[in-house]
Amino acid sequence: EEERPAPSPFGAPVSAAMQRGGRVPPAPQLDVRLLERPKAYAGAAEGWQTWKLKTKSYMARIEGGFEAAMREAEAETKNIVRMPSEYVPLSKFLFASLISLVEGVPLELISSIGEHNGFEAWRRLCADQRRRLEKNQLQRVAGLLNPEFGSGVGFRAKWLAWERQLELQGAALGGALTDTIKIAVVRRK
């Protein structure tokens, strides 16, 4: 008999970690004053991946349950309107945090969400950025093939950012950038 994955609190299949007992074991709790808060995000496509990574990490350090729940919310394709009662406080805290971590268009995108549903706010932010990134895929690929590394102190940071973008775009490129092609791109510089 085939075992089916349990549905997530938001409707999609859950990760294995969430299947084991409903919640991910909490991360060590830290005094949030010791953590650097992510800077406000205003909607620029080039800053999205970094802001998203920092925000997810920040929230996970505040409460370990955020990590899996935010991942599940991001994967959801429909509006998140219901959730288990134990997720409601996390959702409200996430909403309050996101309101203070975004500005401009992203703030307008999430400010109309009822019941201060932080997981729906996160889902909408991620879905909006995913749509925007898909529209600009050709331009991003061209940028990956013609990177600007500069020289001196900033070289390493730009190199690592380029490699991270290659990894993020790998699925969209269908593995088209082999190591040989990457070396050829870098040697051209």
N, C-alpha and C. Protein backbone atom coordinates (compact mmCIF):
# COMPACT_ATOMS: atom_id res chain seq x y z
N GLU A 1 0.84 -1.18 0.00
CA GLU A 1 0.00 0.00 0.00
C GLU A 1 0.89 1.24 0.00
N GLU A 2 0.62 2.16 -0.92
CA GLU A 2 1.45 3.36 -1.08
C GLU A 2 1.15 4.37 0.03
N GLU A 3 2.23 4.86 0.67
CA GLU A 3 2.07 5.87 1.71
C GLU A 3 2.09 7.25 1.09
N ARG A 4 1.06 8.04 1.34
CA ARG A 4 0.96 9.37 0.78
C ARG A 4 1.44 10.40 1.79
N PRO A 5 2.10 11.46 1.29
CA PRO A 5 2.52 12.50 2.24
C PRO A 5 1.31 13.20 2.85
N ALA A 6 1.45 13.54 4.10
CA ALA A 6 0.37 14.26 4.79
C ALA A 6 0.27 15.68 4.23
N PRO A 7 -0.93 16.24 4.23
CA PRO A 7 -1.04 17.62 3.74
C PRO A 7 -0.40 18.59 4.73
N SER A 8 0.13 19.69 4.22
CA SER A 8 0.70 20.71 5.09
C SER A 8 -0.44 21.46 5.77
N PRO A 9 -0.10 22.28 6.72
CA PRO A 9 -1.15 23.07 7.37
C PRO A 9 -1.84 23.99 6.37
N PHE A 10 -1.23 24.22 5.22
CA PHE A 10 -1.77 25.13 4.24
C PHE A 10 -2.36 24.40 3.03
N GLY A 11 -2.26 23.09 2.97
CA GLY A 11 -2.88 22.33 1.90
C GLY A 11 -1.92 21.51 1.05
N ALA A 12 -0.67 21.90 0.88
CA ALA A 12 0.30 21.17 0.06
C ALA A 12 0.93 20.05 0.89
N PRO A 13 1.59 19.05 0.23
CA PRO A 13 2.27 18.01 0.99
C PRO A 13 3.34 18.63 1.90
N VAL A 14 3.50 18.08 3.08
CA VAL A 14 4.47 18.64 4.01
C VAL A 14 5.83 17.98 3.85
N SER A 15 6.82 18.65 4.35
CA SER A 15 8.16 18.10 4.35
C SER A 15 8.22 16.95 5.36
N ALA A 16 9.25 16.13 5.25
CA ALA A 16 9.41 15.01 6.18
C ALA A 16 9.55 15.50 7.61
N ALA A 17 10.23 16.65 7.80
CA ALA A 17 10.42 17.19 9.15
C ALA A 17 9.08 17.53 9.79
N MET A 18 8.16 18.08 9.01
CA MET A 18 6.87 18.45 9.58
C MET A 18 6.00 17.23 9.82
N GLN A 19 6.22 16.14 9.07
CA GLN A 19 5.43 14.92 9.26
C GLN A 19 5.77 14.27 10.59
N ARG A 20 7.01 14.44 11.05
CA ARG A 20 7.42 13.85 12.33
C ARG A 20 6.96 14.73 13.48
N GLY A 21 5.72 14.63 13.85
CA GLY A 21 5.27 15.31 15.06
C GLY A 21 4.61 16.66 14.82
N GLY A 22 4.32 17.02 13.60
CA GLY A 22 3.56 18.24 13.37
C GLY A 22 4.37 19.51 13.29
N ARG A 23 5.41 19.65 14.08
CA ARG A 23 6.22 20.87 14.05
C ARG A 23 7.68 20.50 14.06
N VAL A 24 8.46 21.34 13.48
CA VAL A 24 9.90 21.16 13.49
C VAL A 24 10.39 21.52 14.88
N PRO A 25 11.36 20.76 15.40
CA PRO A 25 11.88 21.13 16.72
C PRO A 25 12.42 22.56 16.68
N PRO A 26 12.14 23.35 17.70
CA PRO A 26 12.57 24.74 17.66
C PRO A 26 14.08 24.88 17.67
N ALA A 27 14.54 25.92 17.00
CA ALA A 27 15.96 26.26 17.02
C ALA A 27 16.27 26.85 18.39
N PRO A 28 17.55 26.87 18.76
CA PRO A 28 17.87 27.51 20.04
C PRO A 28 17.35 28.95 20.05
N GLN A 29 16.70 29.32 21.14
CA GLN A 29 16.14 30.66 21.23
C GLN A 29 17.23 31.66 21.59
N LEU A 30 17.22 32.77 20.88
CA LEU A 30 18.19 33.82 21.09
C LEU A 30 17.47 35.10 21.47
N ASP A 31 18.18 35.95 22.13
CA ASP A 31 17.66 37.28 22.38
C ASP A 31 17.67 38.01 21.04
N VAL A 32 16.50 38.39 20.53
CA VAL A 32 16.42 38.97 19.19
C VAL A 32 17.20 40.28 19.08
N ARG A 33 17.49 40.91 20.19
CA ARG A 33 18.29 42.13 20.14
C ARG A 33 19.71 41.85 19.69
N LEU A 34 20.13 40.58 19.78
CA LEU A 34 21.48 40.21 19.34
C LEU A 34 21.54 39.94 17.84
N LEU A 35 20.39 39.81 17.20
CA LEU A 35 20.34 39.51 15.77
C LEU A 35 20.24 40.79 14.96
N GLU A 36 20.93 40.80 13.84
CA GLU A 36 20.79 41.95 12.94
C GLU A 36 19.52 41.75 12.13
N ARG A 37 18.65 42.72 12.21
CA ARG A 37 17.40 42.69 11.45
C ARG A 37 17.69 42.92 9.99
N PRO A 38 17.04 42.18 9.09
CA PRO A 38 17.23 42.47 7.66
C PRO A 38 16.79 43.90 7.36
N LYS A 39 17.46 44.51 6.42
CA LYS A 39 17.08 45.87 6.01
C LYS A 39 15.75 45.81 5.26
N ALA A 40 15.06 46.93 5.20
CA ALA A 40 13.77 47.00 4.52
C ALA A 40 13.93 46.69 3.04
N TYR A 41 13.02 45.92 2.51
CA TYR A 41 13.03 45.53 1.10
C TYR A 41 11.98 46.35 0.36
N ALA A 42 12.41 46.99 -0.74
CA ALA A 42 11.51 47.87 -1.49
C ALA A 42 11.05 47.28 -2.82
N GLY A 43 11.45 46.06 -3.13
CA GLY A 43 10.93 45.41 -4.33
C GLY A 43 11.91 45.24 -5.47
N ALA A 44 13.15 45.66 -5.32
CA ALA A 44 14.14 45.51 -6.40
C ALA A 44 14.44 44.04 -6.63
N ALA A 45 14.33 43.60 -7.88
CA ALA A 45 14.54 42.18 -8.22
C ALA A 45 15.93 41.70 -7.82
N GLU A 46 16.94 42.54 -8.01
CA GLU A 46 18.30 42.09 -7.73
C GLU A 46 18.57 41.88 -6.24
N GLY A 47 17.76 42.44 -5.36
CA GLY A 47 17.98 42.25 -3.94
C GLY A 47 17.09 41.21 -3.29
N TRP A 48 16.18 40.64 -4.06
CA TRP A 48 15.18 39.72 -3.51
C TRP A 48 15.79 38.49 -2.86
N GLN A 49 16.65 37.76 -3.56
CA GLN A 49 17.16 36.49 -3.03
C GLN A 49 17.93 36.70 -1.73
N THR A 50 18.73 37.76 -1.66
CA THR A 50 19.49 38.04 -0.45
C THR A 50 18.56 38.40 0.70
N TRP A 51 17.59 39.28 0.43
CA TRP A 51 16.64 39.69 1.47
C TRP A 51 15.83 38.49 1.96
N LYS A 52 15.39 37.65 1.04
CA LYS A 52 14.60 36.48 1.40
C LYS A 52 15.42 35.53 2.30
N LEU A 53 16.65 35.29 1.93
CA LEU A 53 17.53 34.42 2.74
C LEU A 53 17.72 35.00 4.14
N LYS A 54 18.01 36.29 4.22
CA LYS A 54 18.23 36.92 5.53
C LYS A 54 16.96 36.92 6.36
N THR A 55 15.83 37.17 5.73
CA THR A 55 14.57 37.22 6.47
C THR A 55 14.19 35.84 7.00
N LYS A 56 14.32 34.81 6.17
CA LYS A 56 14.00 33.46 6.62
C LYS A 56 14.92 33.04 7.77
N SER A 57 16.19 33.36 7.65
CA SER A 57 17.14 33.02 8.70
C SER A 57 16.82 33.77 9.99
N TYR A 58 16.52 35.04 9.87
CA TYR A 58 16.17 35.86 11.03
C TYR A 58 14.94 35.30 11.74
N MET A 59 13.89 35.00 10.99
CA MET A 59 12.67 34.48 11.58
C MET A 59 12.89 33.11 12.22
N ALA A 60 13.71 32.27 11.60
CA ALA A 60 13.99 30.94 12.14
C ALA A 60 14.78 31.02 13.45
N ARG A 61 15.58 32.05 13.61
CA ARG A 61 16.33 32.20 14.86
C ARG A 61 15.43 32.70 15.98
N ILE A 62 14.37 33.40 15.63
CA ILE A 62 13.42 33.86 16.64
C ILE A 62 12.59 32.69 17.14
N GLU A 63 12.14 31.84 16.20
CA GLU A 63 11.30 30.67 16.52
C GLU A 63 11.55 29.63 15.46
N GLY A 64 12.01 28.46 15.87
CA GLY A 64 12.38 27.40 14.93
C GLY A 64 11.26 26.96 14.00
N GLY A 65 10.02 27.08 14.42
CA GLY A 65 8.89 26.66 13.60
C GLY A 65 8.71 27.48 12.34
N PHE A 66 9.28 28.69 12.31
CA PHE A 66 9.12 29.54 11.13
C PHE A 66 9.77 28.94 9.88
N GLU A 67 10.89 28.29 10.05
CA GLU A 67 11.65 27.80 8.89
C GLU A 67 10.80 26.90 7.99
N ALA A 68 10.24 25.84 8.55
CA ALA A 68 9.43 24.92 7.76
C ALA A 68 8.11 25.56 7.33
N ALA A 69 7.49 26.32 8.24
CA ALA A 69 6.20 26.92 7.91
C ALA A 69 6.33 27.94 6.77
N MET A 70 7.40 28.72 6.75
CA MET A 70 7.60 29.70 5.67
C MET A 70 7.88 28.97 4.35
N ARG A 71 8.62 27.87 4.42
CA ARG A 71 8.89 27.08 3.22
C ARG A 71 7.59 26.50 2.66
N GLU A 72 6.74 25.99 3.55
CA GLU A 72 5.46 25.44 3.13
C GLU A 72 4.56 26.54 2.55
N ALA A 73 4.52 27.69 3.18
CA ALA A 73 3.69 28.80 2.69
C ALA A 73 4.17 29.25 1.31
N GLU A 74 5.47 29.31 1.11
CA GLU A 74 6.02 29.71 -0.19
C GLU A 74 5.62 28.74 -1.29
N ALA A 75 5.53 27.47 -0.97
CA ALA A 75 5.19 26.45 -1.97
C ALA A 75 3.70 26.41 -2.29
N GLU A 76 2.89 27.00 -1.44
CA GLU A 76 1.43 26.97 -1.63
C GLU A 76 1.05 27.78 -2.87
N THR A 77 0.12 27.25 -3.66
CA THR A 77 -0.31 27.93 -4.89
C THR A 77 -1.63 28.68 -4.72
N LYS A 78 -2.35 28.38 -3.66
CA LYS A 78 -3.63 29.04 -3.40
C LYS A 78 -3.52 29.91 -2.15
N ASN A 79 -4.46 30.85 -2.03
CA ASN A 79 -4.47 31.71 -0.85
C ASN A 79 -4.53 30.87 0.42
N ILE A 80 -3.79 31.28 1.42
CA ILE A 80 -3.79 30.59 2.71
C ILE A 80 -4.83 31.29 3.58
N VAL A 81 -5.93 30.60 3.80
CA VAL A 81 -7.01 31.21 4.58
C VAL A 81 -7.24 30.48 5.90
N ARG A 82 -6.85 29.22 5.98
CA ARG A 82 -7.02 28.46 7.21
C ARG A 82 -5.70 27.83 7.60
N MET A 83 -5.52 27.68 8.90
CA MET A 83 -4.32 27.02 9.42
C MET A 83 -4.63 26.49 10.81
N PRO A 84 -3.84 25.53 11.27
CA PRO A 84 -4.05 25.01 12.63
C PRO A 84 -3.87 26.13 13.66
N SER A 85 -4.54 26.02 14.77
CA SER A 85 -4.51 27.08 15.79
C SER A 85 -3.11 27.37 16.30
N GLU A 86 -2.24 26.35 16.33
CA GLU A 86 -0.88 26.60 16.83
C GLU A 86 -0.05 27.46 15.87
N TYR A 87 -0.50 27.60 14.62
CA TYR A 87 0.20 28.45 13.65
C TYR A 87 -0.26 29.91 13.71
N VAL A 88 -1.40 30.19 14.32
CA VAL A 88 -1.95 31.55 14.33
C VAL A 88 -1.00 32.55 14.99
N PRO A 89 -0.44 32.27 16.19
CA PRO A 89 0.49 33.25 16.77
C PRO A 89 1.73 33.48 15.88
N LEU A 90 2.25 32.40 15.30
CA LEU A 90 3.39 32.55 14.38
C LEU A 90 3.01 33.42 13.20
N SER A 91 1.82 33.20 12.67
CA SER A 91 1.35 33.95 11.52
C SER A 91 1.23 35.44 11.83
N LYS A 92 0.67 35.76 12.96
CA LYS A 92 0.51 37.17 13.35
C LYS A 92 1.87 37.83 13.58
N PHE A 93 2.78 37.10 14.21
CA PHE A 93 4.13 37.64 14.44
C PHE A 93 4.85 37.85 13.11
N LEU A 94 4.73 36.89 12.20
CA LEU A 94 5.35 37.03 10.89
C LEU A 94 4.79 38.23 10.15
N PHE A 95 3.49 38.42 10.21
CA PHE A 95 2.86 39.57 9.54
C PHE A 95 3.42 40.88 10.10
N ALA A 96 3.47 41.00 11.41
CA ALA A 96 3.99 42.22 12.03
C ALA A 96 5.45 42.44 11.63
N SER A 97 6.23 41.37 11.56
CA SER A 97 7.63 41.49 11.16
C SER A 97 7.75 41.92 9.71
N LEU A 98 6.97 41.29 8.82
CA LEU A 98 7.05 41.63 7.40
C LEU A 98 6.63 43.08 7.15
N ILE A 99 5.61 43.54 7.84
CA ILE A 99 5.16 44.93 7.66
C ILE A 99 6.31 45.90 7.95
N SER A 100 7.16 45.55 8.92
CA SER A 100 8.28 46.44 9.25
C SER A 100 9.51 46.17 8.40
N LEU A 101 9.49 45.09 7.61
CA LEU A 101 10.66 44.73 6.79
C LEU A 101 10.48 45.02 5.30
N VAL A 102 9.33 45.54 4.90
CA VAL A 102 9.11 45.86 3.49
C VAL A 102 8.60 47.30 3.38
N GLU A 103 8.77 47.86 2.19
CA GLU A 103 8.27 49.21 1.91
C GLU A 103 7.91 49.29 0.44
N GLY A 104 7.21 50.34 0.05
CA GLY A 104 6.85 50.53 -1.34
C GLY A 104 5.85 49.49 -1.82
N VAL A 105 6.09 48.95 -3.03
CA VAL A 105 5.17 47.98 -3.64
C VAL A 105 4.98 46.73 -2.76
N PRO A 106 6.04 46.14 -2.21
CA PRO A 106 5.81 44.96 -1.36
C PRO A 106 4.90 45.26 -0.16
N LEU A 107 5.03 46.44 0.42
CA LEU A 107 4.17 46.81 1.53
C LEU A 107 2.72 46.92 1.08
N GLU A 108 2.51 47.53 -0.07
CA GLU A 108 1.15 47.64 -0.61
C GLU A 108 0.58 46.27 -0.93
N LEU A 109 1.42 45.37 -1.40
CA LEU A 109 0.99 44.02 -1.76
C LEU A 109 0.43 43.27 -0.56
N ILE A 110 1.04 43.44 0.60
CA ILE A 110 0.62 42.65 1.77
C ILE A 110 -0.25 43.42 2.75
N SER A 111 -0.35 44.73 2.62
CA SER A 111 -1.07 45.51 3.64
C SER A 111 -2.57 45.25 3.66
N SER A 112 -3.12 44.74 2.58
CA SER A 112 -4.57 44.49 2.55
C SER A 112 -4.96 43.09 2.99
N ILE A 113 -4.02 42.30 3.42
CA ILE A 113 -4.32 40.93 3.85
C ILE A 113 -5.05 40.95 5.18
N GLY A 114 -6.19 40.29 5.20
CA GLY A 114 -7.02 40.26 6.41
C GLY A 114 -6.44 39.38 7.49
N GLU A 115 -6.87 39.64 8.70
CA GLU A 115 -6.52 38.85 9.88
C GLU A 115 -5.01 38.77 10.13
N HIS A 116 -4.26 39.70 9.57
CA HIS A 116 -2.80 39.74 9.76
C HIS A 116 -2.16 38.37 9.54
N ASN A 117 -2.50 37.78 8.42
CA ASN A 117 -2.03 36.45 8.05
C ASN A 117 -0.63 36.52 7.46
N GLY A 118 0.37 36.31 8.29
CA GLY A 118 1.76 36.41 7.87
C GLY A 118 2.17 35.36 6.85
N PHE A 119 1.61 34.18 6.93
CA PHE A 119 1.97 33.14 5.97
C PHE A 119 1.40 33.46 4.59
N GLU A 120 0.22 34.05 4.53
CA GLU A 120 -0.33 34.49 3.25
C GLU A 120 0.49 35.67 2.71
N ALA A 121 0.94 36.55 3.59
CA ALA A 121 1.78 37.68 3.17
C ALA A 121 3.09 37.15 2.57
N TRP A 122 3.69 36.17 3.22
CA TRP A 122 4.93 35.58 2.72
C TRP A 122 4.69 34.89 1.37
N ARG A 123 3.59 34.15 1.27
CA ARG A 123 3.26 33.48 0.01
C ARG A 123 3.11 34.50 -1.12
N ARG A 124 2.42 35.59 -0.85
CA ARG A 124 2.21 36.61 -1.89
C ARG A 124 3.51 37.29 -2.30
N LEU A 125 4.35 37.61 -1.33
CA LEU A 125 5.65 38.22 -1.66
C LEU A 125 6.46 37.29 -2.56
N CYS A 126 6.53 36.02 -2.17
CA CYS A 126 7.31 35.04 -2.95
C CYS A 126 6.71 34.83 -4.34
N ALA A 127 5.39 34.72 -4.42
CA ALA A 127 4.73 34.50 -5.71
C ALA A 127 4.94 35.70 -6.63
N ASP A 128 4.85 36.91 -6.08
CA ASP A 128 5.05 38.12 -6.88
C ASP A 128 6.47 38.16 -7.44
N GLN A 129 7.43 37.86 -6.60
CA GLN A 129 8.83 37.87 -7.07
C GLN A 129 9.08 36.75 -8.08
N ARG A 130 8.48 35.60 -7.87
CA ARG A 130 8.65 34.48 -8.81
C ARG A 130 8.13 34.88 -10.19
N ARG A 131 6.96 35.53 -10.23
CA ARG A 131 6.41 36.00 -11.51
C ARG A 131 7.33 37.02 -12.17
N ARG A 132 7.82 37.95 -11.39
CA ARG A 132 8.71 38.98 -11.93
C ARG A 132 10.01 38.38 -12.45
N LEU A 133 10.55 37.41 -11.73
CA LEU A 133 11.80 36.78 -12.15
C LEU A 133 11.61 35.96 -13.43
N GLU A 134 10.47 35.28 -13.54
CA GLU A 134 10.20 34.49 -14.74
C GLU A 134 10.10 35.38 -15.97
N LYS A 135 9.55 36.58 -15.81
CA LYS A 135 9.43 37.51 -16.94
C LYS A 135 10.80 37.97 -17.45
N ASN A 136 11.76 38.07 -16.57
CA ASN A 136 13.08 38.61 -16.91
C ASN A 136 14.14 37.53 -17.08
N GLN A 137 13.73 36.30 -17.34
CA GLN A 137 14.68 35.19 -17.39
C GLN A 137 15.75 35.38 -18.47
N LEU A 138 15.38 35.80 -19.67
CA LEU A 138 16.36 35.97 -20.74
C LEU A 138 17.39 37.02 -20.38
N GLN A 139 16.96 38.10 -19.79
CA GLN A 139 17.87 39.15 -19.37
C GLN A 139 18.83 38.64 -18.28
N ARG A 140 18.32 37.85 -17.35
CA ARG A 140 19.17 37.31 -16.29
C ARG A 140 20.21 36.35 -16.85
N VAL A 141 19.81 35.51 -17.82
CA VAL A 141 20.76 34.57 -18.42
C VAL A 141 21.86 35.35 -19.13
N ALA A 142 21.50 36.40 -19.85
CA ALA A 142 22.51 37.23 -20.52
C ALA A 142 23.47 37.82 -19.49
N GLY A 143 22.95 38.26 -18.35
CA GLY A 143 23.80 38.79 -17.29
C GLY A 143 24.73 37.75 -16.71
N LEU A 144 24.27 36.52 -16.62
CA LEU A 144 25.12 35.44 -16.11
C LEU A 144 26.26 35.12 -17.07
N LEU A 145 26.00 35.30 -18.37
CA LEU A 145 27.03 35.01 -19.37
C LEU A 145 28.00 36.17 -19.54
N ASN A 146 27.67 37.32 -18.99
CA ASN A 146 28.52 38.49 -19.11
C ASN A 146 28.63 39.19 -17.74
N PRO A 147 29.20 38.49 -16.75
CA PRO A 147 29.24 39.05 -15.40
C PRO A 147 30.27 40.18 -15.29
N GLU A 148 30.04 41.07 -14.34
CA GLU A 148 30.97 42.14 -14.03
C GLU A 148 31.53 41.86 -12.64
N PHE A 149 32.77 41.38 -12.59
CA PHE A 149 33.39 41.04 -11.31
C PHE A 149 34.16 42.20 -10.71
N GLY A 150 34.63 43.10 -11.56
CA GLY A 150 35.47 44.18 -11.06
C GLY A 150 36.82 43.63 -10.63
N SER A 151 37.47 44.34 -9.75
CA SER A 151 38.76 43.89 -9.23
C SER A 151 38.90 44.37 -7.80
N GLY A 152 39.94 43.91 -7.16
CA GLY A 152 40.21 44.35 -5.80
C GLY A 152 39.28 43.71 -4.78
N VAL A 153 38.93 44.50 -3.78
CA VAL A 153 38.18 44.01 -2.63
C VAL A 153 36.81 43.45 -3.02
N GLY A 154 36.10 44.08 -3.95
CA GLY A 154 34.76 43.65 -4.31
C GLY A 154 34.70 42.43 -5.20
N PHE A 155 35.85 41.98 -5.74
CA PHE A 155 35.85 40.86 -6.68
C PHE A 155 35.24 39.60 -6.08
N ARG A 156 35.71 39.21 -4.90
CA ARG A 156 35.24 37.96 -4.29
C ARG A 156 33.74 37.98 -4.03
N ALA A 157 33.22 39.09 -3.52
CA ALA A 157 31.79 39.18 -3.25
C ALA A 157 31.00 39.06 -4.55
N LYS A 158 31.45 39.71 -5.60
CA LYS A 158 30.75 39.64 -6.88
C LYS A 158 30.85 38.24 -7.48
N TRP A 159 31.99 37.60 -7.33
CA TRP A 159 32.18 36.23 -7.81
C TRP A 159 31.20 35.29 -7.10
N LEU A 160 31.13 35.38 -5.76
CA LEU A 160 30.25 34.51 -4.99
C LEU A 160 28.77 34.78 -5.32
N ALA A 161 28.42 36.04 -5.53
CA ALA A 161 27.04 36.38 -5.92
C ALA A 161 26.71 35.77 -7.28
N TRP A 162 27.68 35.81 -8.21
CA TRP A 162 27.50 35.23 -9.54
C TRP A 162 27.28 33.72 -9.42
N GLU A 163 28.11 33.05 -8.61
CA GLU A 163 27.95 31.61 -8.43
C GLU A 163 26.60 31.26 -7.80
N ARG A 164 26.15 32.07 -6.84
CA ARG A 164 24.85 31.83 -6.22
C ARG A 164 23.73 31.98 -7.26
N GLN A 165 23.83 33.01 -8.12
CA GLN A 165 22.83 33.19 -9.16
C GLN A 165 22.84 32.03 -10.15
N LEU A 166 24.02 31.51 -10.46
CA LEU A 166 24.11 30.33 -11.34
C LEU A 166 23.37 29.15 -10.72
N GLU A 167 23.56 28.98 -9.42
CA GLU A 167 22.89 27.88 -8.72
C GLU A 167 21.38 28.08 -8.73
N LEU A 168 20.94 29.31 -8.46
CA LEU A 168 19.50 29.61 -8.43
C LEU A 168 18.87 29.45 -9.80
N GLN A 169 19.60 29.79 -10.85
CA GLN A 169 19.07 29.72 -12.21
C GLN A 169 19.31 28.37 -12.87
N GLY A 170 20.00 27.48 -12.19
CA GLY A 170 20.34 26.17 -12.76
C GLY A 170 19.15 25.41 -13.30
N ALA A 171 18.07 25.39 -12.55
CA ALA A 171 16.88 24.66 -12.99
C ALA A 171 16.29 25.30 -14.24
N ALA A 172 16.25 26.63 -14.25
CA ALA A 172 15.68 27.33 -15.41
C ALA A 172 16.53 27.14 -16.66
N LEU A 173 17.83 26.98 -16.46
CA LEU A 173 18.74 26.81 -17.60
C LEU A 173 18.86 25.35 -18.02
N GLY A 174 18.27 24.47 -17.28
CA GLY A 174 18.33 23.05 -17.62
C GLY A 174 19.75 22.51 -17.57
N GLY A 175 20.57 23.05 -16.67
CA GLY A 175 21.95 22.58 -16.54
C GLY A 175 22.83 22.97 -17.71
N ALA A 176 22.44 24.00 -18.46
CA ALA A 176 23.16 24.38 -19.66
C ALA A 176 24.55 24.94 -19.38
N LEU A 177 24.78 25.48 -18.20
CA LEU A 177 26.09 26.04 -17.89
C LEU A 177 26.96 25.00 -17.19
N THR A 178 27.67 24.25 -17.96
CA THR A 178 28.59 23.25 -17.41
C THR A 178 29.79 23.98 -16.82
N ASP A 179 30.62 23.25 -16.08
CA ASP A 179 31.83 23.85 -15.51
C ASP A 179 32.73 24.42 -16.61
N THR A 180 32.79 23.75 -17.75
CA THR A 180 33.62 24.23 -18.86
C THR A 180 33.12 25.59 -19.36
N ILE A 181 31.82 25.74 -19.48
CA ILE A 181 31.25 27.01 -19.93
C ILE A 181 31.50 28.09 -18.87
N LYS A 182 31.35 27.75 -17.60
CA LYS A 182 31.61 28.73 -16.54
C LYS A 182 33.06 29.22 -16.59
N ILE A 183 33.98 28.30 -16.78
CA ILE A 183 35.39 28.67 -16.86
C ILE A 183 35.63 29.57 -18.06
N ALA A 184 34.99 29.25 -19.19
CA ALA A 184 35.15 30.08 -20.38
C ALA A 184 34.61 31.48 -20.16
N VAL A 185 33.48 31.60 -19.46
CA VAL A 185 32.90 32.91 -19.16
C VAL A 185 33.85 33.72 -18.29
N VAL A 186 34.40 33.08 -17.25
CA VAL A 186 35.30 33.77 -16.34
C VAL A 186 36.61 34.15 -17.04
N ARG A 187 37.12 33.28 -17.88
CA ARG A 187 38.39 33.58 -18.57
C ARG A 187 38.24 34.75 -19.52
N ARG A 188 37.04 34.95 -20.07
CA ARG A 188 36.80 36.10 -20.95
C ARG A 188 36.96 37.41 -20.20
N LYS A 189 36.75 37.38 -18.95
CA LYS A 189 36.84 38.59 -18.13
C LYS A 189 38.26 38.88 -17.85
